[in-house]
Amino acid sequence: MTLQSVIITVMYRQMTVGKLSQTTEQVTENILCCIEKLASSLPGGWNNVRSAHVKVQDTPAVPIYVSFGMIH
């Protein structure tokens, strides 16, 4: 059996944040940490993030953050 990864995508940048074998709390903590890193690596930081999605292999991406503001 292969372990499936949990992946987040912020502005076309992807990062693996966990495995399905981890607890919900562990994956949530990883998502929060990694999404902050991804956002801070962008020029303008969070002001330029329009959306963030979580995805597991062979599933549709699920939005976890959507901004309706203007991009700077």
PDB file of N, CA and C in Angstrom:
ATOM      1  N   MET A   1       0.840  -1.175   0.000  1.00  0.00           N
ATOM      2  CA  MET A   1       0.000   0.000   0.000  1.00  0.00           C
ATOM      3  C   MET A   1       0.887   1.240   0.000  1.00  0.00           C
ATOM      4  N   THR A   2       0.596   2.192  -0.884  1.00  0.00           N
ATOM      5  CA  THR A   2       1.390   3.418  -0.928  1.00  0.00           C
ATOM      6  C   THR A   2       0.756   4.466  -0.038  1.00  0.00           C
ATOM      7  N   LEU A   3       1.595   5.259   0.605  1.00  0.00           N
ATOM      8  CA  LEU A   3       1.111   6.356   1.433  1.00  0.00           C
ATOM      9  C   LEU A   3       0.807   7.539   0.537  1.00  0.00           C
ATOM     10  N   GLN A   4      -0.363   8.085   0.659  1.00  0.00           N
ATOM     11  CA  GLN A   4      -0.719   9.243  -0.141  1.00  0.00           C
ATOM     12  C   GLN A   4      -0.350  10.513   0.607  1.00  0.00           C
ATOM     13  N   SER A   5       0.097  11.515  -0.155  1.00  0.00           N
ATOM     14  CA  SER A   5       0.503  12.784   0.417  1.00  0.00           C
ATOM     15  C   SER A   5      -0.632  13.790   0.362  1.00  0.00           C
ATOM     16  N   VAL A   6      -0.598  14.725   1.298  1.00  0.00           N
ATOM     17  CA  VAL A   6      -1.507  15.855   1.310  1.00  0.00           C
ATOM     18  C   VAL A   6      -0.706  17.045   0.785  1.00  0.00           C
ATOM     19  N   ILE A   7      -1.237  17.734  -0.223  1.00  0.00           N
ATOM     20  CA  ILE A   7      -0.499  18.810  -0.888  1.00  0.00           C
ATOM     21  C   ILE A   7      -1.309  20.093  -0.808  1.00  0.00           C
ATOM     22  N   ILE A   8      -0.626  21.227  -0.546  1.00  0.00           N
ATOM     23  CA  ILE A   8      -1.296  22.522  -0.648  1.00  0.00           C
ATOM     24  C   ILE A   8      -0.731  23.267  -1.844  1.00  0.00           C
ATOM     25  N   THR A   9      -1.559  24.093  -2.438  1.00  0.00           N
ATOM     26  CA  THR A   9      -1.148  24.918  -3.565  1.00  0.00           C
ATOM     27  C   THR A   9      -1.518  26.365  -3.263  1.00  0.00           C
ATOM     28  N   VAL A  10      -0.525  27.247  -3.368  1.00  0.00           N
ATOM     29  CA  VAL A  10      -0.734  28.682  -3.196  1.00  0.00           C
ATOM     30  C   VAL A  10      -0.096  29.360  -4.392  1.00  0.00           C
ATOM     31  N   MET A  11      -0.899  30.041  -5.177  1.00  0.00           N
ATOM     32  CA  MET A  11      -0.396  30.791  -6.341  1.00  0.00           C
ATOM     33  C   MET A  11       0.531  29.936  -7.206  1.00  0.00           C
ATOM     34  N   TYR A  12       0.083  28.786  -7.587  1.00  0.00           N
ATOM     35  CA  TYR A  12       0.802  27.858  -8.474  1.00  0.00           C
ATOM     36  C   TYR A  12       2.049  27.244  -7.842  1.00  0.00           C
ATOM     37  N   ARG A  13       2.266  27.413  -6.562  1.00  0.00           N
ATOM     38  CA  ARG A  13       3.382  26.773  -5.862  1.00  0.00           C
ATOM     39  C   ARG A  13       2.809  25.673  -4.994  1.00  0.00           C
ATOM     40  N   GLN A  14       3.398  24.503  -5.092  1.00  0.00           N
ATOM     41  CA  GLN A  14       2.898  23.364  -4.326  1.00  0.00           C
ATOM     42  C   GLN A  14       3.889  22.945  -3.257  1.00  0.00           C
ATOM     43  N   MET A  15       3.344  22.420  -2.166  1.00  0.00           N
ATOM     44  CA  MET A  15       4.171  21.929  -1.078  1.00  0.00           C
ATOM     45  C   MET A  15       3.464  20.733  -0.447  1.00  0.00           C
ATOM     46  N   THR A  16       4.200  19.657  -0.245  1.00  0.00           N
ATOM     47  CA  THR A  16       3.652  18.498   0.455  1.00  0.00           C
ATOM     48  C   THR A  16       3.637  18.814   1.946  1.00  0.00           C
ATOM     49  N   VAL A  17       2.484  18.645   2.583  1.00  0.00           N
ATOM     50  CA  VAL A  17       2.342  19.027   3.984  1.00  0.00           C
ATOM     51  C   VAL A  17       2.096  17.856   4.919  1.00  0.00           C
ATOM     52  N   GLY A  18       1.905  16.672   4.379  1.00  0.00           N
ATOM     53  CA  GLY A  18       1.693  15.547   5.272  1.00  0.00           C
ATOM     54  C   GLY A  18       1.341  14.283   4.517  1.00  0.00           C
ATOM     55  N   LYS A  19       1.071  13.259   5.279  1.00  0.00           N
ATOM     56  CA  LYS A  19       0.664  11.961   4.752  1.00  0.00           C
ATOM     57  C   LYS A  19      -0.664  11.580   5.392  1.00  0.00           C
ATOM     58  N   LEU A  20      -1.422  10.768   4.706  1.00  0.00           N
ATOM     59  CA  LEU A  20      -2.719  10.356   5.236  1.00  0.00           C
ATOM     60  C   LEU A  20      -2.593   9.545   6.523  1.00  0.00           C
ATOM     61  N   SER A  21      -1.408   9.034   6.810  1.00  0.00           N
ATOM     62  CA  SER A  21      -1.201   8.274   8.040  1.00  0.00           C
ATOM     63  C   SER A  21      -1.094   9.193   9.266  1.00  0.00           C
ATOM     64  N   GLN A  22      -0.938  10.491   9.050  1.00  0.00           N
ATOM     65  CA  GLN A  22      -0.844  11.428  10.171  1.00  0.00           C
ATOM     66  C   GLN A  22      -2.238  11.773  10.692  1.00  0.00           C
ATOM     67  N   THR A  23      -2.270  12.298  11.917  1.00  0.00           N
ATOM     68  CA  THR A  23      -3.549  12.720  12.493  1.00  0.00           C
ATOM     69  C   THR A  23      -4.001  14.021  11.829  1.00  0.00           C
ATOM     70  N   THR A  24      -5.284  14.315  11.962  1.00  0.00           N
ATOM     71  CA  THR A  24      -5.833  15.562  11.435  1.00  0.00           C
ATOM     72  C   THR A  24      -5.117  16.757  12.041  1.00  0.00           C
ATOM     73  N   GLU A  25      -4.825  16.684  13.318  1.00  0.00           N
ATOM     74  CA  GLU A  25      -4.145  17.785  14.008  1.00  0.00           C
ATOM     75  C   GLU A  25      -2.741  18.015  13.441  1.00  0.00           C
ATOM     76  N   GLN A  26      -2.023  16.934  13.159  1.00  0.00           N
ATOM     77  CA  GLN A  26      -0.671  17.059  12.602  1.00  0.00           C
ATOM     78  C   GLN A  26      -0.699  17.686  11.208  1.00  0.00           C
ATOM     79  N   VAL A  27      -1.618  17.226  10.374  1.00  0.00           N
ATOM     80  CA  VAL A  27      -1.710  17.768   9.023  1.00  0.00           C
ATOM     81  C   VAL A  27      -2.155  19.233   9.071  1.00  0.00           C
ATOM     82  N   THR A  28      -3.102  19.552   9.943  1.00  0.00           N
ATOM     83  CA  THR A  28      -3.567  20.934  10.085  1.00  0.00           C
ATOM     84  C   THR A  28      -2.420  21.850  10.499  1.00  0.00           C
ATOM     85  N   GLU A  29      -1.635  21.432  11.465  1.00  0.00           N
ATOM     86  CA  GLU A  29      -0.482  22.215  11.918  1.00  0.00           C
ATOM     87  C   GLU A  29       0.514  22.413  10.775  1.00  0.00           C
ATOM     88  N   ASN A  30       0.758  21.368  10.019  1.00  0.00           N
ATOM     89  CA  ASN A  30       1.670  21.467   8.878  1.00  0.00           C
ATOM     90  C   ASN A  30       1.133  22.420   7.817  1.00  0.00           C
ATOM     91  N   ILE A  31      -0.175  22.340   7.540  1.00  0.00           N
ATOM     92  CA  ILE A  31      -0.786  23.223   6.549  1.00  0.00           C
ATOM     93  C   ILE A  31      -0.609  24.680   6.965  1.00  0.00           C
ATOM     94  N   LEU A  32      -0.918  24.983   8.204  1.00  0.00           N
ATOM     95  CA  LEU A  32      -0.810  26.367   8.677  1.00  0.00           C
ATOM     96  C   LEU A  32       0.620  26.887   8.581  1.00  0.00           C
ATOM     97  N   CYS A  33       1.568  26.072   8.948  1.00  0.00           N
ATOM     98  CA  CYS A  33       2.980  26.467   8.879  1.00  0.00           C
ATOM     99  C   CYS A  33       3.429  26.658   7.434  1.00  0.00           C
ATOM    100  N   CYS A  34       3.114  25.713   6.588  1.00  0.00           N
ATOM    101  CA  CYS A  34       3.575  25.753   5.196  1.00  0.00           C
ATOM    102  C   CYS A  34       2.885  26.832   4.379  1.00  0.00           C
ATOM    103  N   ILE A  35       1.612  27.051   4.638  1.00  0.00           N
ATOM    104  CA  ILE A  35       0.898  28.070   3.874  1.00  0.00           C
ATOM    105  C   ILE A  35       1.448  29.458   4.205  1.00  0.00           C
ATOM    106  N   GLU A  36       1.834  29.650   5.447  1.00  0.00           N
ATOM    107  CA  GLU A  36       2.441  30.924   5.848  1.00  0.00           C
ATOM    108  C   GLU A  36       3.786  31.112   5.148  1.00  0.00           C
ATOM    109  N   LYS A  37       4.582  30.044   5.067  1.00  0.00           N
ATOM    110  CA  LYS A  37       5.869  30.109   4.360  1.00  0.00           C
ATOM    111  C   LYS A  37       5.677  30.418   2.879  1.00  0.00           C
ATOM    112  N   LEU A  38       4.724  29.737   2.248  1.00  0.00           N
ATOM    113  CA  LEU A  38       4.473  29.978   0.831  1.00  0.00           C
ATOM    114  C   LEU A  38       4.016  31.421   0.595  1.00  0.00           C
ATOM    115  N   ALA A  39       3.099  31.904   1.407  1.00  0.00           N
ATOM    116  CA  ALA A  39       2.596  33.269   1.234  1.00  0.00           C
ATOM    117  C   ALA A  39       3.702  34.294   1.445  1.00  0.00           C
ATOM    118  N   SER A  40       4.559  34.075   2.447  1.00  0.00           N
ATOM    119  CA  SER A  40       5.617  35.047   2.721  1.00  0.00           C
ATOM    120  C   SER A  40       6.712  35.026   1.663  1.00  0.00           C
ATOM    121  N   SER A  41       6.769  33.972   0.863  1.00  0.00           N
ATOM    122  CA  SER A  41       7.781  33.910  -0.197  1.00  0.00           C
ATOM    123  C   SER A  41       7.349  34.673  -1.448  1.00  0.00           C
ATOM    124  N   LEU A  42       6.085  35.090  -1.498  1.00  0.00           N
ATOM    125  CA  LEU A  42       5.577  35.834  -2.642  1.00  0.00           C
ATOM    126  C   LEU A  42       5.802  37.332  -2.455  1.00  0.00           C
ATOM    127  N   PRO A  43       6.083  38.040  -3.535  1.00  0.00           N
ATOM    128  CA  PRO A  43       6.157  39.506  -3.424  1.00  0.00           C
ATOM    129  C   PRO A  43       4.798  40.031  -2.955  1.00  0.00           C
ATOM    130  N   GLY A  44       4.781  40.819  -1.912  1.00  0.00           N
ATOM    131  CA  GLY A  44       3.524  41.338  -1.376  1.00  0.00           C
ATOM    132  C   GLY A  44       2.870  40.427  -0.355  1.00  0.00           C
ATOM    133  N   GLY A  45       3.413  39.227  -0.164  1.00  0.00           N
ATOM    134  CA  GLY A  45       2.879  38.301   0.841  1.00  0.00           C
ATOM    135  C   GLY A  45       1.407  37.985   0.641  1.00  0.00           C
ATOM    136  N   TRP A  46       0.655  37.941   1.749  1.00  0.00           N
ATOM    137  CA  TRP A  46      -0.763  37.571   1.707  1.00  0.00           C
ATOM    138  C   TRP A  46      -1.587  38.495   0.833  1.00  0.00           C
ATOM    139  N   ASN A  47      -1.136  39.753   0.644  1.00  0.00           N
ATOM    140  CA  ASN A  47      -1.904  40.680  -0.187  1.00  0.00           C
ATOM    141  C   ASN A  47      -2.030  40.185  -1.621  1.00  0.00           C
ATOM    142  N   ASN A  48      -1.121  39.338  -2.069  1.00  0.00           N
ATOM    143  CA  ASN A  48      -1.166  38.829  -3.431  1.00  0.00           C
ATOM    144  C   ASN A  48      -1.638  37.385  -3.542  1.00  0.00           C
ATOM    145  N   VAL A  49      -2.111  36.813  -2.460  1.00  0.00           N
ATOM    146  CA  VAL A  49      -2.639  35.443  -2.499  1.00  0.00           C
ATOM    147  C   VAL A  49      -4.133  35.516  -2.771  1.00  0.00           C
ATOM    148  N   ARG A  50      -4.552  34.889  -3.853  1.00  0.00           N
ATOM    149  CA  ARG A  50      -5.980  34.877  -4.181  1.00  0.00           C
ATOM    150  C   ARG A  50      -6.660  33.606  -3.697  1.00  0.00           C
ATOM    151  N   SER A  51      -5.908  32.488  -3.618  1.00  0.00           N
ATOM    152  CA  SER A  51      -6.535  31.255  -3.151  1.00  0.00           C
ATOM    153  C   SER A  51      -5.475  30.263  -2.693  1.00  0.00           C
ATOM    154  N   ALA A  52      -5.915  29.328  -1.874  1.00  0.00           N
ATOM    155  CA  ALA A  52      -5.076  28.211  -1.434  1.00  0.00           C
ATOM    156  C   ALA A  52      -5.961  26.971  -1.436  1.00  0.00           C
ATOM    157  N   HIS A  53      -5.390  25.856  -1.885  1.00  0.00           N
ATOM    158  CA  HIS A  53      -6.149  24.606  -2.013  1.00  0.00           C
ATOM    159  C   HIS A  53      -5.395  23.454  -1.357  1.00  0.00           C
ATOM    160  N   VAL A  54      -6.150  22.479  -0.860  1.00  0.00           N
ATOM    161  CA  VAL A  54      -5.593  21.244  -0.328  1.00  0.00           C
ATOM    162  C   VAL A  54      -6.019  20.120  -1.261  1.00  0.00           C
ATOM    163  N   LYS A  55      -5.097  19.196  -1.527  1.00  0.00           N
ATOM    164  CA  LYS A  55      -5.396  18.098  -2.444  1.00  0.00           C
ATOM    165  C   LYS A  55      -4.709  16.827  -1.985  1.00  0.00           C
ATOM    166  N   VAL A  56      -5.393  15.719  -2.162  1.00  0.00           N
ATOM    167  CA  VAL A  56      -4.838  14.385  -1.959  1.00  0.00           C
ATOM    168  C   VAL A  56      -4.911  13.713  -3.326  1.00  0.00           C
ATOM    169  N   GLN A  57      -3.944  12.873  -3.613  1.00  0.00           N
ATOM    170  CA  GLN A  57      -3.887  12.199  -4.921  1.00  0.00           C
ATOM    171  C   GLN A  57      -5.247  11.644  -5.320  1.00  0.00           C
ATOM    172  N   ASP A  58      -5.595  11.837  -6.592  1.00  0.00           N
ATOM    173  CA  ASP A  58      -6.835  11.318  -7.172  1.00  0.00           C
ATOM    174  C   ASP A  58      -8.107  11.915  -6.559  1.00  0.00           C
ATOM    175  N   THR A  59      -8.018  13.123  -6.020  1.00  0.00           N
ATOM    176  CA  THR A  59      -9.196  13.823  -5.519  1.00  0.00           C
ATOM    177  C   THR A  59      -9.183  15.242  -6.075  1.00  0.00           C
ATOM    178  N   PRO A  60     -10.343  15.888  -6.123  1.00  0.00           N
ATOM    179  CA  PRO A  60     -10.339  17.286  -6.546  1.00  0.00           C
ATOM    180  C   PRO A  60      -9.698  18.161  -5.469  1.00  0.00           C
ATOM    181  N   ALA A  61      -9.118  19.273  -5.884  1.00  0.00           N
ATOM    182  CA  ALA A  61      -8.549  20.227  -4.927  1.00  0.00           C
ATOM    183  C   ALA A  61      -9.691  20.922  -4.192  1.00  0.00           C
ATOM    184  N   VAL A  62      -9.510  21.138  -2.895  1.00  0.00           N
ATOM    185  CA  VAL A  62     -10.525  21.774  -2.066  1.00  0.00           C
ATOM    186  C   VAL A  62      -9.981  23.133  -1.609  1.00  0.00           C
ATOM    187  N   PRO A  63     -10.703  24.225  -1.910  1.00  0.00           N
ATOM    188  CA  PRO A  63     -10.208  25.534  -1.481  1.00  0.00           C
ATOM    189  C   PRO A  63     -10.279  25.671   0.039  1.00  0.00           C
ATOM    190  N   ILE A  64      -9.199  26.189   0.622  1.00  0.00           N
ATOM    191  CA  ILE A  64      -9.189  26.461   2.069  1.00  0.00           C
ATOM    192  C   ILE A  64      -9.055  27.949   2.338  1.00  0.00           C
ATOM    193  N   TYR A  65      -8.765  28.728   1.277  1.00  0.00           N
ATOM    194  CA  TYR A  65      -8.683  30.176   1.397  1.00  0.00           C
ATOM    195  C   TYR A  65      -9.003  30.776   0.038  1.00  0.00           C
ATOM    196  N   VAL A  66      -9.901  31.763   0.013  1.00  0.00           N
ATOM    197  CA  VAL A  66     -10.220  32.464  -1.224  1.00  0.00           C
ATOM    198  C   VAL A  66     -10.372  33.943  -0.876  1.00  0.00           C
ATOM    199  N   SER A  67      -9.637  34.783  -1.618  1.00  0.00           N
ATOM    200  CA  SER A  67      -9.726  36.224  -1.425  1.00  0.00           C
ATOM    201  C   SER A  67     -10.450  36.834  -2.605  1.00  0.00           C
ATOM    202  N   PHE A  68     -11.356  37.732  -2.315  1.00  0.00           N
ATOM    203  CA  PHE A  68     -12.064  38.420  -3.385  1.00  0.00           C
ATOM    204  C   PHE A  68     -11.551  39.841  -3.557  1.00  0.00           C
ATOM    205  N   GLY A  69     -10.429  40.158  -2.863  1.00  0.00           N
ATOM    206  CA  GLY A  69      -9.832  41.482  -2.983  1.00  0.00           C
ATOM    207  C   GLY A  69      -9.009  41.611  -4.237  1.00  0.00           C
ATOM    208  N   MET A  70      -8.480  42.797  -4.449  1.00  0.00           N
ATOM    209  CA  MET A  70      -7.656  43.075  -5.618  1.00  0.00           C
ATOM    210  C   MET A  70      -6.225  42.631  -5.358  1.00  0.00           C
ATOM    211  N   ILE A  71      -5.548  42.164  -6.410  1.00  0.00           N
ATOM    212  CA  ILE A  71      -4.139  41.818  -6.314  1.00  0.00           C
ATOM    213  C   ILE A  71      -3.322  43.090  -6.424  1.00  0.00           C
ATOM    214  N   HIS A  72      -2.319  43.197  -5.568  1.00  0.00           N
ATOM    215  CA  HIS A  72      -1.446  44.393  -5.562  1.00  0.00           C
ATOM    216  C   HIS A  72      -0.223  44.158  -6.390  1.00  0.00           C
TER     217      HIS A  72
END
